[in-house]
């Protein structure tokens, strides 16, 4: 049974959209990784969490102080705070006021 012209157009469109999205995601990821590598080469370290992620981690630690992973989470939180206070250029969108307001747990 032969496929109609509309079916072929839809299939080709779907393939184009999927490949286009995949290529775009790959290029964006490679650019981000290149930027991270440059920051590592310049500063020796980079921030490991975005402002939102670090806030969520802090809230989780405060809500789950007796969890078996709380100690590790607290260590990672504190390491990120220390790193942010040492470095000049951040990978994630941190501003100086946010960094200055951070306290270790």
PDB file of N, CA and C in Angstrom:
ATOM      1  N   UNK A   1       0.839  -1.171   0.000  1.00  0.00           N
ATOM      2  CA  UNK A   1       0.000   0.000   0.000  1.00  0.00           C
ATOM      3  C   UNK A   1       0.890   1.242   0.000  1.00  0.00           C
ATOM      4  N   UNK A   2       0.650   2.148  -0.860  1.00  0.00           N
ATOM      5  CA  UNK A   2       1.466   3.344  -1.023  1.00  0.00           C
ATOM      6  C   UNK A   2       1.074   4.390   0.020  1.00  0.00           C
ATOM      7  N   UNK A   3       2.076   5.092   0.496  1.00  0.00           N
ATOM      8  CA  UNK A   3       1.822   6.165   1.454  1.00  0.00           C
ATOM      9  C   UNK A   3       1.439   7.434   0.699  1.00  0.00           C
ATOM     10  N   UNK A   4       0.532   8.182   1.281  1.00  0.00           N
ATOM     11  CA  UNK A   4       0.104   9.420   0.632  1.00  0.00           C
ATOM     12  C   UNK A   4       1.182  10.481   0.774  1.00  0.00           C
ATOM     13  N   UNK A   5       1.057  11.511  -0.017  1.00  0.00           N
ATOM     14  CA  UNK A   5       2.016  12.619   0.017  1.00  0.00           C
ATOM     15  C   UNK A   5       2.003  13.308   1.377  1.00  0.00           C
ATOM     16  N   UNK A   6       0.862  13.436   1.994  1.00  0.00           N
ATOM     17  CA  UNK A   6       0.767  14.069   3.311  1.00  0.00           C
ATOM     18  C   UNK A   6       1.537  13.253   4.347  1.00  0.00           C
ATOM     19  N   UNK A   7       1.442  11.946   4.274  1.00  0.00           N
ATOM     20  CA  UNK A   7       2.170  11.085   5.205  1.00  0.00           C
ATOM     21  C   UNK A   7       3.671  11.283   5.056  1.00  0.00           C
ATOM     22  N   UNK A   8       4.164  11.343   3.833  1.00  0.00           N
ATOM     23  CA  UNK A   8       5.592  11.579   3.596  1.00  0.00           C
ATOM     24  C   UNK A   8       6.032  12.945   4.129  1.00  0.00           C
ATOM     25  N   UNK A   9       5.231  13.960   3.901  1.00  0.00           N
ATOM     26  CA  UNK A   9       5.573  15.308   4.379  1.00  0.00           C
ATOM     27  C   UNK A   9       5.629  15.326   5.903  1.00  0.00           C
ATOM     28  N   UNK A  10       4.654  14.688   6.553  1.00  0.00           N
ATOM     29  CA  UNK A  10       4.636  14.635   8.015  1.00  0.00           C
ATOM     30  C   UNK A  10       5.846  13.863   8.541  1.00  0.00           C
ATOM     31  N   UNK A  11       6.177  12.739   7.923  1.00  0.00           N
ATOM     32  CA  UNK A  11       7.338  11.958   8.359  1.00  0.00           C
ATOM     33  C   UNK A  11       8.630  12.756   8.203  1.00  0.00           C
ATOM     34  N   UNK A  12       8.804  13.408   7.073  1.00  0.00           N
ATOM     35  CA  UNK A  12      10.012  14.209   6.861  1.00  0.00           C
ATOM     36  C   UNK A  12      10.063  15.398   7.826  1.00  0.00           C
ATOM     37  N   UNK A  13       8.911  16.000   8.084  1.00  0.00           N
ATOM     38  CA  UNK A  13       8.854  17.102   9.045  1.00  0.00           C
ATOM     39  C   UNK A  13       9.233  16.649  10.441  1.00  0.00           C
ATOM     40  N   UNK A  14       8.722  15.497  10.838  1.00  0.00           N
ATOM     41  CA  UNK A  14       9.044  14.960  12.158  1.00  0.00           C
ATOM     42  C   UNK A  14      10.532  14.647  12.277  1.00  0.00           C
ATOM     43  N   UNK A  15      11.090  14.059  11.250  1.00  0.00           N
ATOM     44  CA  UNK A  15      12.526  13.744  11.258  1.00  0.00           C
ATOM     45  C   UNK A  15      13.347  15.031  11.346  1.00  0.00           C
ATOM     46  N   UNK A  16      12.955  16.047  10.591  1.00  0.00           N
ATOM     47  CA  UNK A  16      13.665  17.328  10.611  1.00  0.00           C
ATOM     48  C   UNK A  16      13.599  17.964  11.988  1.00  0.00           C
ATOM     49  N   UNK A  17      12.421  17.955  12.598  1.00  0.00           N
ATOM     50  CA  UNK A  17      12.266  18.548  13.932  1.00  0.00           C
ATOM     51  C   UNK A  17      13.103  17.785  14.955  1.00  0.00           C
ATOM     52  N   UNK A  18      13.054  16.460  14.922  1.00  0.00           N
ATOM     53  CA  UNK A  18      13.818  15.671  15.881  1.00  0.00           C
ATOM     54  C   UNK A  18      15.322  15.873  15.722  1.00  0.00           C
ATOM     55  N   UNK A  19      15.810  15.814  14.494  1.00  0.00           N
ATOM     56  CA  UNK A  19      17.241  16.023  14.264  1.00  0.00           C
ATOM     57  C   UNK A  19      17.650  17.447  14.588  1.00  0.00           C
ATOM     58  N   UNK A  20      16.822  18.407  14.234  1.00  0.00           N
ATOM     59  CA  UNK A  20      17.133  19.809  14.536  1.00  0.00           C
ATOM     60  C   UNK A  20      17.248  20.047  16.029  1.00  0.00           C
ATOM     61  N   UNK A  21      16.305  19.490  16.776  1.00  0.00           N
ATOM     62  CA  UNK A  21      16.344  19.622  18.232  1.00  0.00           C
ATOM     63  C   UNK A  21      17.566  18.933  18.817  1.00  0.00           C
ATOM     64  N   UNK A  22      17.883  17.759  18.325  1.00  0.00           N
ATOM     65  CA  UNK A  22      19.044  17.020  18.826  1.00  0.00           C
ATOM     66  C   UNK A  22      20.344  17.771  18.550  1.00  0.00           C
ATOM     67  N   UNK A  23      20.483  18.305  17.355  1.00  0.00           N
ATOM     68  CA  UNK A  23      21.695  19.057  17.000  1.00  0.00           C
ATOM     69  C   UNK A  23      21.798  20.319  17.848  1.00  0.00           C
ATOM     70  N   UNK A  24      20.688  21.024  18.016  1.00  0.00           N
ATOM     71  CA  UNK A  24      20.690  22.244  18.834  1.00  0.00           C
ATOM     72  C   UNK A  24      21.105  21.919  20.269  1.00  0.00           C
ATOM     73  N   UNK A  25      20.545  20.845  20.845  1.00  0.00           N
ATOM     74  CA  UNK A  25      20.886  20.460  22.214  1.00  0.00           C
ATOM     75  C   UNK A  25      22.360  20.080  22.327  1.00  0.00           C
ATOM     76  N   UNK A  26      22.878  19.378  21.351  1.00  0.00           N
ATOM     77  CA  UNK A  26      24.284  18.989  21.361  1.00  0.00           C
ATOM     78  C   UNK A  26      25.195  20.210  21.292  1.00  0.00           C
ATOM     79  N   UNK A  27      24.903  21.130  20.395  1.00  0.00           N
ATOM     80  CA  UNK A  27      25.719  22.345  20.252  1.00  0.00           C
ATOM     81  C   UNK A  27      25.685  23.156  21.539  1.00  0.00           C
ATOM     82  N   UNK A  28      24.503  23.314  22.116  1.00  0.00           N
ATOM     83  CA  UNK A  28      24.396  24.083  23.356  1.00  0.00           C
ATOM     84  C   UNK A  28      25.182  23.419  24.481  1.00  0.00           C
ATOM     85  N   UNK A  29      25.060  22.103  24.608  1.00  0.00           N
ATOM     86  CA  UNK A  29      25.792  21.376  25.647  1.00  0.00           C
ATOM     87  C   UNK A  29      27.300  21.508  25.469  1.00  0.00           C
ATOM     88  N   UNK A  30      27.764  21.391  24.236  1.00  0.00           N
ATOM     89  CA  UNK A  30      29.205  21.522  23.982  1.00  0.00           C
ATOM     90  C   UNK A  30      29.710  22.924  24.284  1.00  0.00           C
ATOM     91  N   UNK A  31      28.919  23.935  23.968  1.00  0.00           N
ATOM     92  CA  UNK A  31      29.311  25.317  24.302  1.00  0.00           C
ATOM     93  C   UNK A  31      29.397  25.513  25.807  1.00  0.00           C
ATOM     94  N   UNK A  32      28.401  24.977  26.539  1.00  0.00           N
ATOM     95  CA  UNK A  32      28.430  25.078  27.996  1.00  0.00           C
ATOM     96  C   UNK A  32      29.653  24.382  28.568  1.00  0.00           C
ATOM     97  N   UNK A  33      29.950  23.203  28.073  1.00  0.00           N
ATOM     98  CA  UNK A  33      31.112  22.464  28.572  1.00  0.00           C
ATOM     99  C   UNK A  33      32.415  23.177  28.234  1.00  0.00           C
ATOM    100  N   UNK A  34      32.477  23.806  27.069  1.00  0.00           N
ATOM    101  CA  UNK A  34      33.658  24.578  26.697  1.00  0.00           C
ATOM    102  C   UNK A  34      33.837  25.764  27.633  1.00  0.00           C
ATOM    103  N   UNK A  35      32.734  26.428  27.963  1.00  0.00           N
ATOM    104  CA  UNK A  35      32.805  27.560  28.896  1.00  0.00           C
ATOM    105  C   UNK A  35      33.257  27.092  30.275  1.00  0.00           C
ATOM    106  N   UNK A  36      32.752  25.964  30.727  1.00  0.00           N
ATOM    107  CA  UNK A  36      33.172  25.416  32.015  1.00  0.00           C
ATOM    108  C   UNK A  36      34.669  25.093  32.008  1.00  0.00           C
ATOM    109  N   UNK A  37      35.143  24.503  30.933  1.00  0.00           N
ATOM    110  CA  UNK A  37      36.555  24.152  30.831  1.00  0.00           C
ATOM    111  C   UNK A  37      37.435  25.398  30.861  1.00  0.00           C
ATOM    112  N   UNK A  38      37.018  26.443  30.163  1.00  0.00           N
ATOM    113  CA  UNK A  38      37.774  27.698  30.182  1.00  0.00           C
ATOM    114  C   UNK A  38      37.845  28.270  31.599  1.00  0.00           C
ATOM    115  N   UNK A  39      36.714  28.257  32.309  1.00  0.00           N
ATOM    116  CA  UNK A  39      36.708  28.755  33.683  1.00  0.00           C
ATOM    117  C   UNK A  39      37.596  27.897  34.582  1.00  0.00           C
ATOM    118  N   UNK A  40      37.566  26.595  34.393  1.00  0.00           N
ATOM    119  CA  UNK A  40      38.434  25.720  35.186  1.00  0.00           C
ATOM    120  C   UNK A  40      39.905  25.998  34.920  1.00  0.00           C
ATOM    121  N   UNK A  41      40.237  26.214  33.654  1.00  0.00           N
ATOM    122  CA  UNK A  41      41.633  26.510  33.313  1.00  0.00           C
ATOM    123  C   UNK A  41      42.074  27.852  33.879  1.00  0.00           C
ATOM    124  N   UNK A  42      41.194  28.842  33.880  1.00  0.00           N
ATOM    125  CA  UNK A  42      41.536  30.180  34.380  1.00  0.00           C
ATOM    126  C   UNK A  42      41.573  30.244  35.900  1.00  0.00           C
ATOM    127  N   UNK A  43      40.564  29.636  36.560  1.00  0.00           N
ATOM    128  CA  UNK A  43      40.390  29.813  37.997  1.00  0.00           C
ATOM    129  C   UNK A  43      40.761  28.584  38.822  1.00  0.00           C
ATOM    130  N   UNK A  44      40.797  27.430  38.183  1.00  0.00           N
ATOM    131  CA  UNK A  44      41.082  26.200  38.904  1.00  0.00           C
ATOM    132  C   UNK A  44      39.850  25.542  39.499  1.00  0.00           C
ATOM    133  N   UNK A  45      38.729  26.234  39.529  1.00  0.00           N
ATOM    134  CA  UNK A  45      37.484  25.685  40.049  1.00  0.00           C
ATOM    135  C   UNK A  45      36.310  26.512  39.539  1.00  0.00           C
ATOM    136  N   UNK A  46      35.117  25.912  39.583  1.00  0.00           N
ATOM    137  CA  UNK A  46      33.903  26.624  39.168  1.00  0.00           C
ATOM    138  C   UNK A  46      32.794  26.331  40.163  1.00  0.00           C
ATOM    139  N   UNK A  47      31.757  27.163  40.095  1.00  0.00           N
ATOM    140  CA  UNK A  47      30.591  26.943  40.938  1.00  0.00           C
ATOM    141  C   UNK A  47      29.869  25.681  40.481  1.00  0.00           C
ATOM    142  N   UNK A  48      29.388  24.910  41.441  1.00  0.00           N
ATOM    143  CA  UNK A  48      28.790  23.624  41.119  1.00  0.00           C
ATOM    144  C   UNK A  48      27.271  23.639  41.102  1.00  0.00           C
ATOM    145  N   UNK A  49      26.658  24.697  41.621  1.00  0.00           N
ATOM    146  CA  UNK A  49      25.206  24.783  41.670  1.00  0.00           C
ATOM    147  C   UNK A  49      24.741  26.154  41.191  1.00  0.00           C
ATOM    148  N   UNK A  50      23.596  26.168  40.550  1.00  0.00           N
ATOM    149  CA  UNK A  50      22.960  27.428  40.180  1.00  0.00           C
ATOM    150  C   UNK A  50      22.316  28.013  41.441  1.00  0.00           C
ATOM    151  N   UNK A  51      21.949  29.286  41.417  1.00  0.00           N
ATOM    152  CA  UNK A  51      21.289  29.869  42.593  1.00  0.00           C
ATOM    153  C   UNK A  51      20.045  29.082  43.016  1.00  0.00           C
ATOM    154  N   UNK A  52      19.242  28.700  42.069  1.00  0.00           N
ATOM    155  CA  UNK A  52      18.021  27.949  42.390  1.00  0.00           C
ATOM    156  C   UNK A  52      18.353  26.584  42.985  1.00  0.00           C
ATOM    157  N   UNK A  53      19.312  25.894  42.396  1.00  0.00           N
ATOM    158  CA  UNK A  53      19.688  24.568  42.899  1.00  0.00           C
ATOM    159  C   UNK A  53      20.265  24.634  44.300  1.00  0.00           C
ATOM    160  N   UNK A  54      21.093  25.629  44.549  1.00  0.00           N
ATOM    161  CA  UNK A  54      21.688  25.749  45.883  1.00  0.00           C
ATOM    162  C   UNK A  54      20.618  26.092  46.914  1.00  0.00           C
ATOM    163  N   UNK A  55      19.643  26.917  46.542  1.00  0.00           N
ATOM    164  CA  UNK A  55      18.533  27.231  47.431  1.00  0.00           C
ATOM    165  C   UNK A  55      17.720  25.982  47.742  1.00  0.00           C
ATOM    166  N   UNK A  56      17.439  25.184  46.711  1.00  0.00           N
ATOM    167  CA  UNK A  56      16.698  23.945  46.918  1.00  0.00           C
ATOM    168  C   UNK A  56      17.479  22.965  47.795  1.00  0.00           C
ATOM    169  N   UNK A  57      18.790  22.909  47.603  1.00  0.00           N
ATOM    170  CA  UNK A  57      19.619  22.028  48.429  1.00  0.00           C
ATOM    171  C   UNK A  57      19.587  22.491  49.885  1.00  0.00           C
ATOM    172  N   UNK A  58      19.711  23.790  50.119  1.00  0.00           N
ATOM    173  CA  UNK A  58      19.660  24.333  51.486  1.00  0.00           C
ATOM    174  C   UNK A  58      18.315  24.004  52.139  1.00  0.00           C
ATOM    175  N   UNK A  59      17.220  24.174  51.398  1.00  0.00           N
ATOM    176  CA  UNK A  59      15.893  23.867  51.938  1.00  0.00           C
ATOM    177  C   UNK A  59      15.761  22.377  52.252  1.00  0.00           C
ATOM    178  N   UNK A  60      16.297  21.524  51.382  1.00  0.00           N
ATOM    179  CA  UNK A  60      16.228  20.092  51.634  1.00  0.00           C
ATOM    180  C   UNK A  60      17.001  19.739  52.901  1.00  0.00           C
ATOM    181  N   UNK A  61      18.170  20.321  53.073  1.00  0.00           N
ATOM    182  CA  UNK A  61      18.991  20.047  54.262  1.00  0.00           C
ATOM    183  C   UNK A  61      18.247  20.472  55.518  1.00  0.00           C
ATOM    184  N   UNK A  62      17.623  21.640  55.480  1.00  0.00           N
ATOM    185  CA  UNK A  62      16.892  22.116  56.656  1.00  0.00           C
ATOM    186  C   UNK A  62      15.650  21.283  56.934  1.00  0.00           C
ATOM    187  N   UNK A  63      15.009  20.760  55.884  1.00  0.00           N
ATOM    188  CA  UNK A  63      13.805  19.946  56.056  1.00  0.00           C
ATOM    189  C   UNK A  63      14.114  18.501  56.425  1.00  0.00           C
ATOM    190  N   UNK A  64      15.330  18.040  56.156  1.00  0.00           N
ATOM    191  CA  UNK A  64      15.700  16.635  56.381  1.00  0.00           C
ATOM    192  C   UNK A  64      17.013  16.512  57.144  1.00  0.00           C
ATOM    193  N   UNK A  65      17.120  17.104  58.311  1.00  0.00           N
ATOM    194  CA  UNK A  65      18.414  17.108  59.013  1.00  0.00           C
ATOM    195  C   UNK A  65      18.893  15.725  59.468  1.00  0.00           C
ATOM    196  N   UNK A  66      17.977  14.789  59.628  1.00  0.00           N
ATOM    197  CA  UNK A  66      18.393  13.467  60.107  1.00  0.00           C
ATOM    198  C   UNK A  66      18.481  12.432  58.987  1.00  0.00           C
ATOM    199  N   UNK A  67      18.311  12.852  57.752  1.00  0.00           N
ATOM    200  CA  UNK A  67      18.422  11.924  56.619  1.00  0.00           C
ATOM    201  C   UNK A  67      19.855  11.414  56.524  1.00  0.00           C
ATOM    202  N   UNK A  68      20.012  10.187  56.033  1.00  0.00           N
ATOM    203  CA  UNK A  68      21.363   9.599  55.946  1.00  0.00           C
ATOM    204  C   UNK A  68      22.253  10.342  54.953  1.00  0.00           C
ATOM    205  N   UNK A  69      21.669  11.115  54.041  1.00  0.00           N
ATOM    206  CA  UNK A  69      22.450  11.873  53.057  1.00  0.00           C
ATOM    207  C   UNK A  69      22.627  13.344  53.441  1.00  0.00           C
ATOM    208  N   UNK A  70      22.104  13.740  54.595  1.00  0.00           N
ATOM    209  CA  UNK A  70      22.154  15.147  55.010  1.00  0.00           C
ATOM    210  C   UNK A  70      23.591  15.643  55.191  1.00  0.00           C
ATOM    211  N   UNK A  71      24.441  14.814  55.749  1.00  0.00           N
ATOM    212  CA  UNK A  71      25.832  15.221  55.977  1.00  0.00           C
ATOM    213  C   UNK A  71      26.546  15.490  54.647  1.00  0.00           C
ATOM    214  N   UNK A  72      26.375  14.590  53.690  1.00  0.00           N
ATOM    215  CA  UNK A  72      26.981  14.774  52.368  1.00  0.00           C
ATOM    216  C   UNK A  72      26.409  16.006  51.675  1.00  0.00           C
ATOM    217  N   UNK A  73      25.116  16.204  51.784  1.00  0.00           N
ATOM    218  CA  UNK A  73      24.480  17.374  51.173  1.00  0.00           C
ATOM    219  C   UNK A  73      25.014  18.657  51.804  1.00  0.00           C
ATOM    220  N   UNK A  74      25.177  18.671  53.120  1.00  0.00           N
ATOM    221  CA  UNK A  74      25.712  19.841  53.817  1.00  0.00           C
ATOM    222  C   UNK A  74      27.148  20.120  53.366  1.00  0.00           C
ATOM    223  N   UNK A  75      27.949  19.068  53.206  1.00  0.00           N
ATOM    224  CA  UNK A  75      29.330  19.244  52.735  1.00  0.00           C
ATOM    225  C   UNK A  75      29.353  19.854  51.332  1.00  0.00           C
ATOM    226  N   UNK A  76      28.506  19.353  50.449  1.00  0.00           N
ATOM    227  CA  UNK A  76      28.457  19.877  49.075  1.00  0.00           C
ATOM    228  C   UNK A  76      27.960  21.312  49.055  1.00  0.00           C
ATOM    229  N   UNK A  77      26.990  21.617  49.891  1.00  0.00           N
ATOM    230  CA  UNK A  77      26.493  22.988  49.991  1.00  0.00           C
ATOM    231  C   UNK A  77      27.623  23.917  50.446  1.00  0.00           C
ATOM    232  N   UNK A  78      28.293  23.542  51.513  1.00  0.00           N
ATOM    233  CA  UNK A  78      29.375  24.374  52.049  1.00  0.00           C
ATOM    234  C   UNK A  78      30.522  24.529  51.056  1.00  0.00           C
ATOM    235  N   UNK A  79      30.850  23.465  50.335  1.00  0.00           N
ATOM    236  CA  UNK A  79      31.913  23.547  49.321  1.00  0.00           C
ATOM    237  C   UNK A  79      31.538  24.553  48.232  1.00  0.00           C
ATOM    238  N   UNK A  80      30.281  24.540  47.804  1.00  0.00           N
ATOM    239  CA  UNK A  80      29.849  25.473  46.770  1.00  0.00           C
ATOM    240  C   UNK A  80      29.902  26.907  47.290  1.00  0.00           C
ATOM    241  N   UNK A  81      29.474  27.132  48.522  1.00  0.00           N
ATOM    242  CA  UNK A  81      29.530  28.476  49.110  1.00  0.00           C
ATOM    243  C   UNK A  81      30.970  28.961  49.163  1.00  0.00           C
ATOM    244  N   UNK A  82      31.872  28.119  49.617  1.00  0.00           N
ATOM    245  CA  UNK A  82      33.292  28.488  49.694  1.00  0.00           C
ATOM    246  C   UNK A  82      33.852  28.803  48.312  1.00  0.00           C
ATOM    247  N   UNK A  83      33.512  27.981  47.340  1.00  0.00           N
ATOM    248  CA  UNK A  83      33.986  28.191  45.973  1.00  0.00           C
ATOM    249  C   UNK A  83      33.468  29.516  45.431  1.00  0.00           C
ATOM    250  N   UNK A  84      32.189  29.784  45.620  1.00  0.00           N
ATOM    251  CA  UNK A  84      31.600  31.039  45.135  1.00  0.00           C
ATOM    252  C   UNK A  84      32.290  32.253  45.757  1.00  0.00           C
ATOM    253  N   UNK A  85      32.692  32.140  47.003  1.00  0.00           N
ATOM    254  CA  UNK A  85      33.354  33.257  47.675  1.00  0.00           C
ATOM    255  C   UNK A  85      34.791  33.448  47.195  1.00  0.00           C
ATOM    256  N   UNK A  86      35.402  32.396  46.636  1.00  0.00           N
ATOM    257  CA  UNK A  86      36.790  32.486  46.164  1.00  0.00           C
ATOM    258  C   UNK A  86      36.920  32.918  44.710  1.00  0.00           C
ATOM    259  N   UNK A  87      35.990  32.507  43.845  1.00  0.00           N
ATOM    260  CA  UNK A  87      36.173  32.729  42.407  1.00  0.00           C
ATOM    261  C   UNK A  87      35.687  34.103  41.973  1.00  0.00           C
ATOM    262  N   UNK A  88      36.220  34.556  40.845  1.00  0.00           N
ATOM    263  CA  UNK A  88      35.831  35.855  40.303  1.00  0.00           C
ATOM    264  C   UNK A  88      34.695  35.751  39.291  1.00  0.00           C
ATOM    265  N   UNK A  89      34.715  34.709  38.476  1.00  0.00           N
ATOM    266  CA  UNK A  89      33.724  34.545  37.413  1.00  0.00           C
ATOM    267  C   UNK A  89      32.953  33.256  37.647  1.00  0.00           C
ATOM    268  N   UNK A  90      31.624  33.353  37.650  1.00  0.00           N
ATOM    269  CA  UNK A  90      30.789  32.177  37.868  1.00  0.00           C
ATOM    270  C   UNK A  90      30.243  31.655  36.546  1.00  0.00           C
ATOM    271  N   UNK A  91      29.966  30.366  36.509  1.00  0.00           N
ATOM    272  CA  UNK A  91      29.341  29.776  35.332  1.00  0.00           C
ATOM    273  C   UNK A  91      27.844  30.050  35.347  1.00  0.00           C
ATOM    274  N   UNK A  92      27.228  29.850  36.500  1.00  0.00           N
ATOM    275  CA  UNK A  92      25.799  30.096  36.623  1.00  0.00           C
ATOM    276  C   UNK A  92      25.554  31.575  36.900  1.00  0.00           C
ATOM    277  N   UNK A  93      24.316  31.992  36.815  1.00  0.00           N
ATOM    278  CA  UNK A  93      23.959  33.413  36.931  1.00  0.00           C
ATOM    279  C   UNK A  93      23.889  33.876  38.386  1.00  0.00           C
ATOM    280  N   UNK A  94      25.034  33.990  38.998  1.00  0.00           N
ATOM    281  CA  UNK A  94      25.120  34.505  40.357  1.00  0.00           C
ATOM    282  C   UNK A  94      25.446  35.993  40.295  1.00  0.00           C
ATOM    283  N   UNK A  95      24.901  36.759  41.225  1.00  0.00           N
ATOM    284  CA  UNK A  95      25.353  38.141  41.356  1.00  0.00           C
ATOM    285  C   UNK A  95      26.049  38.286  42.712  1.00  0.00           C
ATOM    286  N   UNK A  96      26.809  39.321  42.856  1.00  0.00           N
ATOM    287  CA  UNK A  96      27.646  39.498  44.041  1.00  0.00           C
ATOM    288  C   UNK A  96      26.802  39.549  45.325  1.00  0.00           C
ATOM    289  N   UNK A  97      25.632  40.172  45.274  1.00  0.00           N
ATOM    290  CA  UNK A  97      24.783  40.266  46.464  1.00  0.00           C
ATOM    291  C   UNK A  97      24.332  38.876  46.932  1.00  0.00           C
ATOM    292  N   UNK A  98      23.976  38.026  45.974  1.00  0.00           N
ATOM    293  CA  UNK A  98      23.567  36.668  46.325  1.00  0.00           C
ATOM    294  C   UNK A  98      24.718  35.903  46.981  1.00  0.00           C
ATOM    295  N   UNK A  99      25.894  36.037  46.403  1.00  0.00           N
ATOM    296  CA  UNK A  99      27.063  35.335  46.926  1.00  0.00           C
ATOM    297  C   UNK A  99      27.397  35.838  48.329  1.00  0.00           C
ATOM    298  N   UNK A 100      27.364  37.166  48.510  1.00  0.00           N
ATOM    299  CA  UNK A 100      27.682  37.732  49.822  1.00  0.00           C
ATOM    300  C   UNK A 100      26.684  37.343  50.895  1.00  0.00           C
ATOM    301  N   UNK A 101      25.455  37.042  50.501  1.00  0.00           N
ATOM    302  CA  UNK A 101      24.426  36.691  51.498  1.00  0.00           C
ATOM    303  C   UNK A 101      24.477  35.220  51.912  1.00  0.00           C
ATOM    304  N   UNK A 102      25.271  34.408  51.212  1.00  0.00           N
ATOM    305  CA  UNK A 102      25.339  32.979  51.520  1.00  0.00           C
ATOM    306  C   UNK A 102      26.120  32.736  52.801  1.00  0.00           C
ATOM    307  N   UNK A 103      25.605  31.793  53.586  1.00  0.00           N
ATOM    308  CA  UNK A 103      26.306  31.371  54.793  1.00  0.00           C
ATOM    309  C   UNK A 103      26.440  29.861  54.792  1.00  0.00           C
ATOM    310  N   UNK A 104      27.528  29.382  55.328  1.00  0.00           N
ATOM    311  CA  UNK A 104      27.718  27.937  55.404  1.00  0.00           C
ATOM    312  C   UNK A 104      26.772  27.358  56.442  1.00  0.00           C
ATOM    313  N   UNK A 105      26.416  26.090  56.231  1.00  0.00           N
ATOM    314  CA  UNK A 105      25.525  25.383  57.169  1.00  0.00           C
ATOM    315  C   UNK A 105      26.333  24.546  58.143  1.00  0.00           C
TER     316      UNK A 105
END
